[in-house]
Amino acid sequence: MGLIKEPLDFDFEVDPRLLTKEEQLAISEFIKEDKAKRAILEKRSTKSRTSRRAKTTA
């Protein structure tokens, strides 16, 4: 993730408030689901790569 370039005539301000328990749980669940999806996709792409190599070299 890169830096956001700030326009010259505009200031970004962030409200430093704490997350509620509900927000924390929602974010945690989203991250878990995203990691699981990525793991499945990575597993699929790894399988197809190795099987293609085996077919071309055989």
Protein backbone atom coordinates (compact mmCIF):
# COMPACT_ATOMS: atom_id res chain seq x y z
CA MET A 1 0.00 0.00 0.00
CA GLY A 2 1.44 3.35 -1.03
CA LEU A 3 1.25 6.80 0.37
CA ILE A 4 -1.65 9.10 -0.47
CA LYS A 5 -0.42 12.27 -2.08
CA GLU A 6 -2.04 15.20 -0.32
CA PRO A 7 -3.26 18.09 -2.50
CA LEU A 8 -1.64 21.44 -1.72
CA ASP A 9 -4.82 23.17 -0.60
CA PHE A 10 -6.30 20.28 1.38
CA ASP A 11 -5.42 18.75 4.78
CA PHE A 12 -6.27 15.17 5.72
CA GLU A 13 -7.33 14.76 9.34
CA VAL A 14 -8.04 11.43 10.98
CA ASP A 15 -10.37 11.03 13.96
CA PRO A 16 -8.39 8.87 16.42
CA ARG A 17 -11.34 7.13 18.08
CA LEU A 18 -11.30 3.59 19.41
CA LEU A 19 -13.27 0.88 17.66
CA THR A 20 -16.27 -0.64 19.38
CA LYS A 21 -16.29 -4.38 20.13
CA GLU A 22 -18.80 -4.88 17.32
CA GLU A 23 -16.54 -3.09 14.83
CA GLN A 24 -13.51 -5.07 16.00
CA LEU A 25 -15.37 -8.37 15.56
CA ALA A 26 -16.63 -7.37 12.11
CA ILE A 27 -13.13 -6.46 10.95
CA SER A 28 -11.67 -9.67 12.42
CA GLU A 29 -14.29 -11.81 10.68
CA PHE A 30 -13.68 -10.06 7.37
CA ILE A 31 -9.92 -10.63 7.65
CA LYS A 32 -10.40 -14.33 8.51
CA GLU A 33 -12.73 -14.86 5.55
CA ASP A 34 -10.41 -12.99 3.20
CA LYS A 35 -7.39 -15.04 4.30
CA ALA A 36 -9.34 -18.26 3.81
CA LYS A 37 -10.40 -17.21 0.29
CA ARG A 38 -6.84 -16.25 -0.61
CA ALA A 39 -5.50 -19.56 0.71
CA ILE A 40 -7.99 -21.48 -1.44
CA LEU A 41 -7.11 -19.44 -4.52
CA GLU A 42 -3.38 -19.89 -3.87
CA LYS A 43 -3.85 -23.62 -3.44
CA ARG A 44 -5.75 -23.82 -6.75
CA SER A 45 -3.17 -21.82 -8.67
CA THR A 46 -0.31 -23.88 -7.22
CA LYS A 47 -1.98 -27.14 -8.24
CA SER A 48 -2.62 -25.99 -11.79
CA ARG A 49 0.94 -24.70 -12.17
CA THR A 50 2.51 -27.98 -11.09
CA SER A 51 0.18 -30.10 -13.21
CA ARG A 52 0.88 -27.98 -16.31
CA ARG A 53 4.62 -28.37 -15.80
CA ALA A 54 4.31 -32.10 -15.43
CA LYS A 55 2.31 -32.36 -18.67
CA THR A 56 4.73 -30.27 -20.71
CA THR A 57 7.85 -32.05 -19.47
CA ALA A 58 6.42 -35.55 -19.87
